[in-house]
C-alpha atoms as a PDB file:
ATOM      1  CA  UNK A   1     -44.487 156.014 221.963  1.00  0.00           C
ATOM      2  CA  UNK A   2     -46.549 156.379 225.569  1.00  0.00           C
ATOM      3  CA  UNK A   3     -44.845 156.766 227.888  1.00  0.00           C
ATOM      4  CA  UNK A   4     -44.092 153.649 230.457  1.00  0.00           C
ATOM      5  CA  UNK A   5     -45.950 153.669 234.418  1.00  0.00           C
ATOM      6  CA  UNK A   6     -44.545 154.798 237.259  1.00  0.00           C
ATOM      7  CA  UNK A   7     -44.140 151.772 239.227  1.00  0.00           C
ATOM      8  CA  UNK A   8     -46.852 151.298 241.955  1.00  0.00           C
ATOM      9  CA  UNK A   9     -46.127 151.132 245.909  1.00  0.00           C
ATOM     10  CA  UNK A  10     -47.061 147.879 246.970  1.00  0.00           C
ATOM     11  CA  UNK A  11     -46.856 149.270 250.962  1.00  0.00           C
ATOM     12  CA  UNK A  12     -50.119 150.342 250.754  1.00  0.00           C
ATOM     13  CA  UNK A  13     -52.399 146.858 249.767  1.00  0.00           C
ATOM     14  CA  UNK A  14     -50.238 144.818 252.088  1.00  0.00           C
ATOM     15  CA  UNK A  15     -51.655 147.706 255.093  1.00  0.00           C
ATOM     16  CA  UNK A  16     -54.114 146.324 254.253  1.00  0.00           C
ATOM     17  CA  UNK A  17     -54.114 142.702 254.436  1.00  0.00           C
ATOM     18  CA  UNK A  18     -52.451 143.569 257.930  1.00  0.00           C
ATOM     19  CA  UNK A  19     -54.553 145.848 258.893  1.00  0.00           C
ATOM     20  CA  UNK A  20     -57.623 143.072 258.367  1.00  0.00           C
ATOM     21  CA  UNK A  21     -55.557 140.355 260.170  1.00  0.00           C
ATOM     22  CA  UNK A  22     -55.640 141.616 263.133  1.00  0.00           C
ATOM     23  CA  UNK A  23     -59.106 142.826 263.278  1.00  0.00           C
ATOM     24  CA  UNK A  24     -59.595 139.458 261.605  1.00  0.00           C
ATOM     25  CA  UNK A  25     -57.737 137.613 264.786  1.00  0.00           C
ATOM     26  CA  UNK A  26     -59.287 140.514 267.006  1.00  0.00           C
ATOM     27  CA  UNK A  27     -63.497 139.336 266.481  1.00  0.00           C
ATOM     28  CA  UNK A  28     -61.841 135.768 266.875  1.00  0.00           C
ATOM     29  CA  UNK A  29     -61.055 136.531 269.715  1.00  0.00           C
ATOM     30  CA  UNK A  30     -64.093 138.455 271.398  1.00  0.00           C
ATOM     31  CA  UNK A  31     -66.403 135.440 269.742  1.00  0.00           C
ATOM     32  CA  UNK A  32     -64.306 133.107 271.786  1.00  0.00           C
ATOM     33  CA  UNK A  33     -64.913 135.717 274.706  1.00  0.00           C
ATOM     34  CA  UNK A  34     -68.497 135.595 274.102  1.00  0.00           C
ATOM     35  CA  UNK A  35     -68.331 132.287 273.763  1.00  0.00           C
ATOM     36  CA  UNK A  36     -67.116 130.941 276.964  1.00  0.00           C
ATOM     37  CA  UNK A  37     -69.225 133.275 279.887  1.00  0.00           C
ATOM     38  CA  UNK A  38     -73.013 131.904 277.284  1.00  0.00           C
ATOM     39  CA  UNK A  39     -75.216 129.789 279.802  1.00  0.00           C
ATOM     40  CA  UNK A  40     -75.581 126.817 277.634  1.00  0.00           C
ATOM     41  CA  UNK A  41     -71.156 126.651 277.458  1.00  0.00           C
ATOM     42  CA  UNK A  42     -71.826 127.171 281.708  1.00  0.00           C
ATOM     43  CA  UNK A  43     -73.886 123.543 281.770  1.00  0.00           C
ATOM     44  CA  UNK A  44     -72.136 122.039 279.022  1.00  0.00           C
ATOM     45  CA  UNK A  45     -69.043 121.988 281.261  1.00  0.00           C
ATOM     46  CA  UNK A  46     -70.434 121.435 284.212  1.00  0.00           C
ATOM     47  CA  UNK A  47     -68.586 121.309 287.399  1.00  0.00           C
ATOM     48  CA  UNK A  48     -65.586 122.680 285.476  1.00  0.00           C
ATOM     49  CA  UNK A  49     -66.412 125.887 285.201  1.00  0.00           C
ATOM     50  CA  UNK A  50     -66.043 128.316 282.347  1.00  0.00           C
ATOM     51  CA  UNK A  51     -63.040 129.705 283.418  1.00  0.00           C
ATOM     52  CA  UNK A  52     -61.586 125.618 283.657  1.00  0.00           C
ATOM     53  CA  UNK A  53     -62.343 126.638 279.579  1.00  0.00           C
ATOM     54  CA  UNK A  54     -60.765 129.827 279.007  1.00  0.00           C
ATOM     55  CA  UNK A  55     -56.955 127.689 279.253  1.00  0.00           C
ATOM     56  CA  UNK A  56     -57.967 126.991 275.416  1.00  0.00           C
ATOM     57  CA  UNK A  57     -54.561 126.838 274.104  1.00  0.00           C
ATOM     58  CA  UNK A  58     -53.532 123.826 276.558  1.00  0.00           C
ATOM     59  CA  UNK A  59     -55.234 121.502 279.071  1.00  0.00           C
ATOM     60  CA  UNK A  60     -54.908 122.677 282.444  1.00  0.00           C
ATOM     61  CA  UNK A  61     -54.385 120.571 285.210  1.00  0.00           C
ATOM     62  CA  UNK A  62     -57.112 118.016 287.265  1.00  0.00           C
ATOM     63  CA  UNK A  63     -59.428 119.209 283.918  1.00  0.00           C
ATOM     64  CA  UNK A  64     -60.456 115.492 281.792  1.00  0.00           C
ATOM     65  CA  UNK A  65     -60.105 115.914 278.227  1.00  0.00           C
ATOM     66  CA  UNK A  66     -62.639 115.189 277.228  1.00  0.00           C
ATOM     67  CA  UNK A  67     -64.493 117.877 279.434  1.00  0.00           C
ATOM     68  CA  UNK A  68     -62.323 119.952 277.033  1.00  0.00           C
ATOM     69  CA  UNK A  69     -62.107 118.339 273.825  1.00  0.00           C
ATOM     70  CA  UNK A  70     -66.215 118.181 273.629  1.00  0.00           C
ATOM     71  CA  UNK A  71     -66.179 122.267 275.077  1.00  0.00           C
ATOM     72  CA  UNK A  72     -63.657 122.761 271.435  1.00  0.00           C
ATOM     73  CA  UNK A  73     -66.286 121.255 270.226  1.00  0.00           C
ATOM     74  CA  UNK A  74     -69.246 122.888 270.909  1.00  0.00           C
ATOM     75  CA  UNK A  75     -67.414 125.993 269.896  1.00  0.00           C
ATOM     76  CA  UNK A  76     -65.490 124.640 266.205  1.00  0.00           C
ATOM     77  CA  UNK A  77     -69.596 123.237 265.781  1.00  0.00           C
ATOM     78  CA  UNK A  78     -71.350 126.792 265.784  1.00  0.00           C
ATOM     79  CA  UNK A  79     -72.256 129.472 263.772  1.00  0.00           C
ATOM     80  CA  UNK A  80     -69.857 132.511 265.034  1.00  0.00           C
ATOM     81  CA  UNK A  81     -66.347 129.889 265.070  1.00  0.00           C
ATOM     82  CA  UNK A  82     -67.394 129.054 261.073  1.00  0.00           C
ATOM     83  CA  UNK A  83     -68.634 131.657 260.103  1.00  0.00           C
ATOM     84  CA  UNK A  84     -64.540 133.314 261.419  1.00  0.00           C
ATOM     85  CA  UNK A  85     -63.270 131.185 259.789  1.00  0.00           C
ATOM     86  CA  UNK A  86     -64.589 131.487 255.641  1.00  0.00           C
ATOM     87  CA  UNK A  87     -63.594 135.395 256.577  1.00  0.00           C
ATOM     88  CA  UNK A  88     -59.264 133.842 257.833  1.00  0.00           C
ATOM     89  CA  UNK A  89     -59.577 131.355 254.495  1.00  0.00           C
ATOM     90  CA  UNK A  90     -60.057 133.824 252.205  1.00  0.00           C
ATOM     91  CA  UNK A  91     -58.247 136.220 253.457  1.00  0.00           C
ATOM     92  CA  UNK A  92     -55.012 133.788 252.996  1.00  0.00           C
ATOM     93  CA  UNK A  93     -56.129 133.222 249.252  1.00  0.00           C
ATOM     94  CA  UNK A  94     -55.798 136.927 249.142  1.00  0.00           C
ATOM     95  CA  UNK A  95     -52.485 137.286 250.856  1.00  0.00           C
ATOM     96  CA  UNK A  96     -51.257 134.485 249.198  1.00  0.00           C
ATOM     97  CA  UNK A  97     -51.832 136.191 245.309  1.00  0.00           C
ATOM     98  CA  UNK A  98     -50.835 138.874 246.210  1.00  0.00           C
ATOM     99  CA  UNK A  99     -47.471 137.978 247.536  1.00  0.00           C
ATOM    100  CA  UNK A 100     -46.845 135.460 243.850  1.00  0.00           C
ATOM    101  CA  UNK A 101     -46.976 139.418 242.368  1.00  0.00           C
ATOM    102  CA  UNK A 102     -44.713 140.894 245.023  1.00  0.00           C
ATOM    103  CA  UNK A 103     -40.518 140.597 245.180  1.00  0.00           C
ATOM    104  CA  UNK A 104     -37.758 142.051 248.969  1.00  0.00           C
ATOM    105  CA  UNK A 105     -36.379 144.545 247.048  1.00  0.00           C
ATOM    106  CA  UNK A 106     -32.644 142.799 247.013  1.00  0.00           C
ATOM    107  CA  UNK A 107     -28.635 144.022 245.310  1.00  0.00           C
ATOM    108  CA  UNK A 108     -29.579 140.410 243.360  1.00  0.00           C
ATOM    109  CA  UNK A 109     -33.304 141.428 242.590  1.00  0.00           C
ATOM    110  CA  UNK A 110     -33.797 139.636 239.172  1.00  0.00           C
ATOM    111  CA  UNK A 111     -36.446 139.448 236.752  1.00  0.00           C
ATOM    112  CA  UNK A 112     -39.202 137.433 237.585  1.00  0.00           C
ATOM    113  CA  UNK A 113     -38.247 138.678 241.366  1.00  0.00           C
ATOM    114  CA  UNK A 114     -38.749 136.179 244.828  1.00  0.00           C
ATOM    115  CA  UNK A 115     -41.739 135.474 245.222  1.00  0.00           C
ATOM    116  CA  UNK A 116     -41.826 132.673 246.094  1.00  0.00           C
ATOM    117  CA  UNK A 117     -39.839 132.961 248.838  1.00  0.00           C
ATOM    118  CA  UNK A 118     -42.850 135.483 250.014  1.00  0.00           C
ATOM    119  CA  UNK A 119     -45.072 132.884 250.039  1.00  0.00           C
ATOM    120  CA  UNK A 120     -43.139 130.233 251.977  1.00  0.00           C
ATOM    121  CA  UNK A 121     -43.531 132.237 255.121  1.00  0.00           C
ATOM    122  CA  UNK A 122     -47.320 130.978 254.618  1.00  0.00           C
ATOM    123  CA  UNK A 123     -46.508 127.491 255.056  1.00  0.00           C
ATOM    124  CA  UNK A 124     -46.361 128.573 259.578  1.00  0.00           C
ATOM    125  CA  UNK A 125     -49.735 129.251 258.859  1.00  0.00           C
ATOM    126  CA  UNK A 126     -51.141 127.292 256.614  1.00  0.00           C
ATOM    127  CA  UNK A 127     -49.813 123.436 258.783  1.00  0.00           C
ATOM    128  CA  UNK A 128     -51.010 125.205 262.546  1.00  0.00           C
ATOM    129  CA  UNK A 129     -53.456 122.959 263.639  1.00  0.00           C
ATOM    130  CA  UNK A 130     -56.552 125.796 265.905  1.00  0.00           C
ATOM    131  CA  UNK A 131     -57.730 128.631 263.868  1.00  0.00           C
ATOM    132  CA  UNK A 132     -56.144 131.334 266.741  1.00  0.00           C
ATOM    133  CA  UNK A 133     -52.693 129.836 266.241  1.00  0.00           C
ATOM    134  CA  UNK A 134     -52.548 130.484 262.198  1.00  0.00           C
ATOM    135  CA  UNK A 135     -54.553 134.320 262.729  1.00  0.00           C
ATOM    136  CA  UNK A 136     -51.858 135.085 264.501  1.00  0.00           C
ATOM    137  CA  UNK A 137     -49.227 133.510 262.511  1.00  0.00           C
ATOM    138  CA  UNK A 138     -50.602 134.816 259.870  1.00  0.00           C
ATOM    139  CA  UNK A 139     -50.236 138.372 261.540  1.00  0.00           C
ATOM    140  CA  UNK A 140     -46.723 138.152 262.197  1.00  0.00           C
ATOM    141  CA  UNK A 141     -46.213 137.054 259.157  1.00  0.00           C
ATOM    142  CA  UNK A 142     -47.305 140.077 257.369  1.00  0.00           C
ATOM    143  CA  UNK A 143     -46.151 142.631 259.452  1.00  0.00           C
ATOM    144  CA  UNK A 144     -42.494 140.924 259.064  1.00  0.00           C
ATOM    145  CA  UNK A 145     -43.399 140.687 255.327  1.00  0.00           C
ATOM    146  CA  UNK A 146     -43.883 145.164 256.313  1.00  0.00           C
ATOM    147  CA  UNK A 147     -40.686 145.851 257.451  1.00  0.00           C
ATOM    148  CA  UNK A 148     -38.848 144.319 254.044  1.00  0.00           C
ATOM    149  CA  UNK A 149     -39.135 146.974 250.687  1.00  0.00           C
ATOM    150  CA  UNK A 150     -40.917 145.912 247.828  1.00  0.00           C
ATOM    151  CA  UNK A 151     -41.554 145.977 245.014  1.00  0.00           C
ATOM    152  CA  UNK A 152     -43.963 144.642 242.635  1.00  0.00           C
ATOM    153  CA  UNK A 153     -42.618 142.208 239.945  1.00  0.00           C
ATOM    154  CA  UNK A 154     -43.771 144.326 236.919  1.00  0.00           C
ATOM    155  CA  UNK A 155     -41.679 146.979 238.346  1.00  0.00           C
ATOM    156  CA  UNK A 156     -38.698 144.921 238.536  1.00  0.00           C
ATOM    157  CA  UNK A 157     -35.763 146.580 236.129  1.00  0.00           C
ATOM    158  CA  UNK A 158     -34.034 144.086 233.275  1.00  0.00           C
ATOM    159  CA  UNK A 159     -30.360 143.183 234.040  1.00  0.00           C
ATOM    160  CA  UNK A 160     -28.967 145.832 231.512  1.00  0.00           C
ATOM    161  CA  UNK A 161     -26.554 143.476 228.763  1.00  0.00           C
ATOM    162  CA  UNK A 162     -23.273 143.580 229.840  1.00  0.00           C
ATOM    163  CA  UNK A 163     -20.576 144.525 226.846  1.00  0.00           C
ATOM    164  CA  UNK A 164     -17.811 141.023 226.591  1.00  0.00           C
ATOM    165  CA  UNK A 165     -14.177 141.399 226.824  1.00  0.00           C
ATOM    166  CA  UNK A 166     -12.612 140.035 223.362  1.00  0.00           C
ATOM    167  CA  UNK A 167     -10.708 137.070 223.694  1.00  0.00           C
ATOM    168  CA  UNK A 168      -7.548 136.914 223.978  1.00  0.00           C
ATOM    169  CA  UNK A 169      -5.656 137.331 221.045  1.00  0.00           C
ATOM    170  CA  UNK A 170      -8.381 137.985 218.797  1.00  0.00           C
ATOM    171  CA  UNK A 171      -8.306 141.486 217.576  1.00  0.00           C
ATOM    172  CA  UNK A 172     -11.491 143.306 216.305  1.00  0.00           C
ATOM    173  CA  UNK A 173     -12.163 142.738 212.471  1.00  0.00           C
ATOM    174  CA  UNK A 174     -11.585 146.342 210.418  1.00  0.00           C
ATOM    175  CA  UNK A 175     -14.112 147.314 207.153  1.00  0.00           C
ATOM    176  CA  UNK A 176     -10.884 147.583 205.069  1.00  0.00           C
ATOM    177  CA  UNK A 177     -10.941 150.877 203.226  1.00  0.00           C
ATOM    178  CA  UNK A 178     -11.588 151.320 199.278  1.00  0.00           C
ATOM    179  CA  UNK A 179      -9.416 150.964 196.974  1.00  0.00           C
ATOM    180  CA  UNK A 180      -9.690 153.686 194.006  1.00  0.00           C
ATOM    181  CA  UNK A 181      -7.183 151.597 192.089  1.00  0.00           C
ATOM    182  CA  UNK A 182      -7.836 148.377 192.582  1.00  0.00           C
ATOM    183  CA  UNK A 183     -11.748 149.577 191.666  1.00  0.00           C
ATOM    184  CA  UNK A 184     -10.263 150.466 188.314  1.00  0.00           C
ATOM    185  CA  UNK A 185      -8.101 148.048 187.733  1.00  0.00           C
ATOM    186  CA  UNK A 186     -11.629 145.977 187.993  1.00  0.00           C
ATOM    187  CA  UNK A 187     -13.237 147.700 185.273  1.00  0.00           C
ATOM    188  CA  UNK A 188     -10.118 148.616 183.244  1.00  0.00           C
ATOM    189  CA  UNK A 189      -9.821 144.463 182.477  1.00  0.00           C
ATOM    190  CA  UNK A 190     -13.358 144.105 181.957  1.00  0.00           C
ATOM    191  CA  UNK A 191     -13.450 147.170 179.293  1.00  0.00           C
ATOM    192  CA  UNK A 192     -11.038 144.854 177.726  1.00  0.00           C
ATOM    193  CA  UNK A 193     -11.464 141.184 177.659  1.00  0.00           C
ATOM    194  CA  UNK A 194     -15.063 142.744 176.401  1.00  0.00           C
ATOM    195  CA  UNK A 195     -13.234 144.683 173.516  1.00  0.00           C
ATOM    196  CA  UNK A 196     -10.349 142.688 172.987  1.00  0.00           C
ATOM    197  CA  UNK A 197     -12.922 139.422 172.100  1.00  0.00           C
ATOM    198  CA  UNK A 198     -15.986 141.418 170.048  1.00  0.00           C
ATOM    199  CA  UNK A 199     -12.847 142.875 167.493  1.00  0.00           C
ATOM    200  CA  UNK A 200     -11.005 139.426 166.961  1.00  0.00           C
ATOM    201  CA  UNK A 201     -13.984 137.040 166.351  1.00  0.00           C
ATOM    202  CA  UNK A 202     -15.929 140.127 164.503  1.00  0.00           C
ATOM    203  CA  UNK A 203     -13.986 139.126 160.982  1.00  0.00           C
ATOM    204  CA  UNK A 204     -14.739 135.417 162.387  1.00  0.00           C
ATOM    205  CA  UNK A 205     -18.156 134.904 163.352  1.00  0.00           C
ATOM    206  CA  UNK A 206     -19.882 139.102 162.707  1.00  0.00           C
ATOM    207  CA  UNK A 207     -22.362 139.937 165.769  1.00  0.00           C
ATOM    208  CA  UNK A 208     -21.680 136.850 166.923  1.00  0.00           C
ATOM    209  CA  UNK A 209     -18.270 137.420 168.547  1.00  0.00           C
ATOM    210  CA  UNK A 210     -20.231 139.881 170.592  1.00  0.00           C
ATOM    211  CA  UNK A 211     -22.106 137.129 172.717  1.00  0.00           C
ATOM    212  CA  UNK A 212     -18.406 135.578 173.134  1.00  0.00           C
ATOM    213  CA  UNK A 213     -17.734 138.675 174.536  1.00  0.00           C
ATOM    214  CA  UNK A 214     -20.586 139.444 176.729  1.00  0.00           C
ATOM    215  CA  UNK A 215     -20.259 135.496 178.366  1.00  0.00           C
ATOM    216  CA  UNK A 216     -16.640 136.285 178.779  1.00  0.00           C
ATOM    217  CA  UNK A 217     -16.835 139.123 180.877  1.00  0.00           C
ATOM    218  CA  UNK A 218     -19.912 137.787 183.076  1.00  0.00           C
ATOM    219  CA  UNK A 219     -17.482 134.538 184.200  1.00  0.00           C
ATOM    220  CA  UNK A 220     -14.442 137.620 184.662  1.00  0.00           C
ATOM    221  CA  UNK A 221     -17.132 139.359 186.972  1.00  0.00           C
ATOM    222  CA  UNK A 222     -18.223 135.761 188.578  1.00  0.00           C
ATOM    223  CA  UNK A 223     -14.640 134.771 189.707  1.00  0.00           C
ATOM    224  CA  UNK A 224     -12.499 138.716 189.983  1.00  0.00           C
ATOM    225  CA  UNK A 225     -12.087 137.467 193.251  1.00  0.00           C
ATOM    226  CA  UNK A 226      -9.845 135.484 192.678  1.00  0.00           C
ATOM    227  CA  UNK A 227      -7.387 137.351 189.533  1.00  0.00           C
ATOM    228  CA  UNK A 228      -8.534 141.094 190.652  1.00  0.00           C
ATOM    229  CA  UNK A 229      -6.090 140.510 193.264  1.00  0.00           C
ATOM    230  CA  UNK A 230      -2.914 139.744 192.084  1.00  0.00           C
ATOM    231  CA  UNK A 231      -3.464 141.140 188.752  1.00  0.00           C
ATOM    232  CA  UNK A 232      -4.316 144.730 191.615  1.00  0.00           C
ATOM    233  CA  UNK A 233      -0.746 143.815 192.517  1.00  0.00           C
ATOM    234  CA  UNK A 234       0.987 144.393 189.153  1.00  0.00           C
ATOM    235  CA  UNK A 235      -0.176 147.508 188.059  1.00  0.00           C
ATOM    236  CA  UNK A 236       0.595 148.451 191.937  1.00  0.00           C
ATOM    237  CA  UNK A 237       4.107 150.376 192.920  1.00  0.00           C
ATOM    238  CA  UNK A 238       6.804 148.004 194.593  1.00  0.00           C
ATOM    239  CA  UNK A 239       7.595 149.409 197.961  1.00  0.00           C
ATOM    240  CA  UNK A 240      11.081 149.375 199.139  1.00  0.00           C
ATOM    241  CA  UNK A 241      12.483 147.324 201.874  1.00  0.00           C
ATOM    242  CA  UNK A 242      13.938 149.388 204.632  1.00  0.00           C
END
């Protein structure tokens, strides 16, 4: 029988995903900075200037909503943004499948594990509106999970069965020891009946007495649970009361 393969530590895979999430977040910020300083963006936001578009996380005072919304729509329609969004969605799908196969190691951990608790943490990533917020949330979730002890679900040990205590008032059954006297009683009765019938009926029905004796012997064997005990007690010495 082949030896079981040793458990595989899921932490290296998690750290690679975390590293990719951080790199993607940084690339997004760099691409957004380049987009802000582009000459076409200067003309898009007009006299408000590039600094107005820098307020990506809120609408600054004195800046019209239309100007900022137009700037953001242009950014989200750009090729760098679409590529970054596609890469993020691919990474989020990989992270989700990874978390479905691992569990946090806790004292109460039992198969199939607690993967659902880890996957639920991605809810704050999916519900965010802006892509940069999704990226920051994903990085934060992976950093939190990286601080926890993890185990792959297939490596979770099965619980050991606990012996059940006997019910109150019940006693464990023990097999009755062999009784030589009872065995000899059974053999003696069967042989005695067979011989008595065979010899006693021989003068009346001839060799047919053997058949009758055999049938009677078979009947005794079949019904032995009814008569063996009483017959054995008859042959056993009586114990004197104390």
